Amino acid sequence: MHYINAFWVGGLICALVQILLDKTKLMPGRVMVLLVCAGSVLSALHLYKPLVDYAHAGASVPLIGFGHLLFQGVKEEIEQAGILGVFTGGFKASAGGISAALIFGYLASLFFHPQMKK
């Protein structure tokens, strides 16, 4: 059942974002910033954690889940280190995922030889 919940929740998030891209004149970069900020705000309002508990990767993998991750990291670090946690919490919480993306992206470029569009 976890797979089904992850599939439909993640698919719904992606479909809503695609509708937002298609029906507005917002550029993709602005939509990405909007998603990260929305994840942070929903996490601050305690609305996103129940969705992550229900859908697991379906809610944590989309970009809105990155905002949730950043907020949770900052919140935990503030509890441990005080106000300095505002600056360090997001980095500590997201370091593993960002490092993996950089390493696997580099490895993929070694195997697939990317080229610039002409």
Protein backbone atom coordinates (compact mmCIF):
# COMPACT_ATOMS: atom_id res chain seq x y z
CA MET A 1 0.00 0.00 0.00
CA HIS A 2 2.97 2.33 0.61
CA TYR A 3 3.85 2.17 -3.09
CA ILE A 4 0.33 3.05 -4.16
CA ASN A 5 0.12 6.00 -1.76
CA ALA A 6 3.54 7.26 -2.85
CA PHE A 7 2.55 6.93 -6.49
CA TRP A 8 -0.74 8.78 -6.34
CA VAL A 9 0.43 11.55 -3.97
CA GLY A 10 3.65 12.15 -5.93
CA GLY A 11 1.72 12.02 -9.19
CA LEU A 12 -0.84 14.50 -7.89
CA ILE A 13 1.88 16.92 -6.80
CA CYS A 14 3.58 16.66 -10.18
CA ALA A 15 0.29 17.05 -12.05
CA LEU A 16 -0.61 20.17 -10.07
CA VAL A 17 2.80 21.68 -10.77
CA GLN A 18 2.44 20.86 -14.48
CA ILE A 19 -0.95 22.57 -14.55
CA LEU A 20 0.62 25.58 -12.83
CA LEU A 21 3.34 25.70 -15.48
CA ASP A 22 0.87 25.32 -18.34
CA LYS A 23 -1.80 27.77 -17.14
CA THR A 24 0.41 30.61 -15.90
CA LYS A 25 3.26 32.59 -17.36
CA LEU A 26 5.57 31.67 -14.48
CA MET A 27 9.03 30.60 -15.53
CA PRO A 28 10.21 27.16 -14.33
CA GLY A 29 12.83 28.69 -12.02
CA ARG A 30 10.19 30.72 -10.23
CA VAL A 31 7.94 27.68 -9.89
CA MET A 32 10.86 25.77 -8.35
CA VAL A 33 11.40 28.55 -5.79
CA LEU A 34 7.66 28.62 -5.13
CA LEU A 35 7.67 24.87 -4.44
CA VAL A 36 10.58 25.04 -2.00
CA CYS A 37 8.99 27.98 -0.18
CA ALA A 38 5.60 26.23 -0.13
CA GLY A 39 7.21 23.14 1.39
CA SER A 40 8.81 25.26 4.09
CA VAL A 41 5.59 27.10 4.89
CA LEU A 42 3.49 23.92 4.94
CA SER A 43 6.08 22.33 7.20
CA ALA A 44 6.04 25.34 9.53
CA LEU A 45 2.25 25.05 9.74
CA HIS A 46 2.58 21.33 10.56
CA LEU A 47 0.63 20.38 7.42
CA TYR A 48 3.34 18.65 5.40
CA LYS A 49 4.66 16.14 7.96
CA PRO A 50 1.40 14.12 8.02
CA LEU A 51 1.54 13.95 4.21
CA VAL A 52 5.14 12.67 4.35
CA ASP A 53 4.12 10.10 6.98
CA TYR A 54 1.28 8.94 4.71
CA ALA A 55 2.94 9.01 1.28
CA HIS A 56 6.64 8.67 2.23
CA ALA A 57 8.69 9.13 -0.97
CA GLY A 58 5.65 10.40 -2.86
CA ALA A 59 5.74 13.54 -0.73
CA SER A 60 9.44 13.80 0.11
CA VAL A 61 10.97 13.32 -3.35
CA PRO A 62 9.23 16.19 -5.22
CA LEU A 63 10.79 19.63 -4.85
CA ILE A 64 8.18 20.68 -2.30
CA GLY A 65 9.67 17.97 -0.05
CA PHE A 66 13.04 19.73 -0.26
CA GLY A 67 11.50 22.81 1.37
CA HIS A 68 10.09 20.56 4.08
CA LEU A 69 13.53 19.00 4.60
CA LEU A 70 15.21 22.41 4.87
CA PHE A 71 12.68 23.64 7.41
CA GLN A 72 12.97 20.50 9.51
CA GLY A 73 16.77 20.77 9.49
CA VAL A 74 16.70 24.40 10.54
CA LYS A 75 14.14 23.70 13.25
CA GLU A 76 16.20 20.84 14.75
CA GLU A 77 19.46 22.79 14.57
CA ILE A 78 17.90 25.84 16.28
CA GLU A 79 16.84 23.57 19.14
CA GLN A 80 20.41 22.27 19.48
CA ALA A 81 22.66 25.21 18.60
CA GLY A 82 20.45 28.25 19.03
CA ILE A 83 20.17 31.03 16.48
CA LEU A 84 23.23 29.78 14.62
CA GLY A 85 21.07 26.86 13.51
CA VAL A 86 19.30 29.18 11.07
CA PHE A 87 22.48 29.19 9.00
CA THR A 88 23.63 25.60 9.48
CA GLY A 89 20.47 23.51 9.78
CA GLY A 90 19.49 23.48 6.13
CA PHE A 91 23.00 22.51 5.07
CA LYS A 92 23.24 19.65 7.55
CA ALA A 93 19.80 18.28 6.66
CA SER A 94 20.28 18.35 2.89
CA ALA A 95 24.00 17.56 2.60
CA GLY A 96 23.54 13.87 1.83
CA GLY A 97 21.01 14.39 -0.93
CA ILE A 98 22.89 17.26 -2.56
CA SER A 99 26.17 15.35 -2.40
CA ALA A 100 24.57 12.28 -3.97
CA ALA A 101 23.07 14.38 -6.77
CA LEU A 102 26.45 15.96 -7.53
CA ILE A 103 28.37 12.67 -7.43
CA PHE A 104 25.86 10.69 -9.49
CA GLY A 105 25.51 13.56 -11.95
CA TYR A 106 29.27 13.61 -12.44
CA LEU A 107 29.41 9.83 -12.86
CA ALA A 108 26.60 9.96 -15.39
CA SER A 109 28.50 12.60 -17.37
CA LEU A 110 31.51 10.27 -17.53
CA PHE A 111 29.48 7.45 -19.02
CA PHE A 112 27.10 9.32 -21.32
CA HIS A 113 29.27 12.20 -22.66
CA PRO A 114 26.79 15.10 -22.53
CA GLN A 115 26.97 17.80 -25.18
CA MET A 116 25.62 21.31 -25.41
CA LYS A 117 22.52 21.87 -27.51
CA LYS A 118 23.16 23.41 -30.89
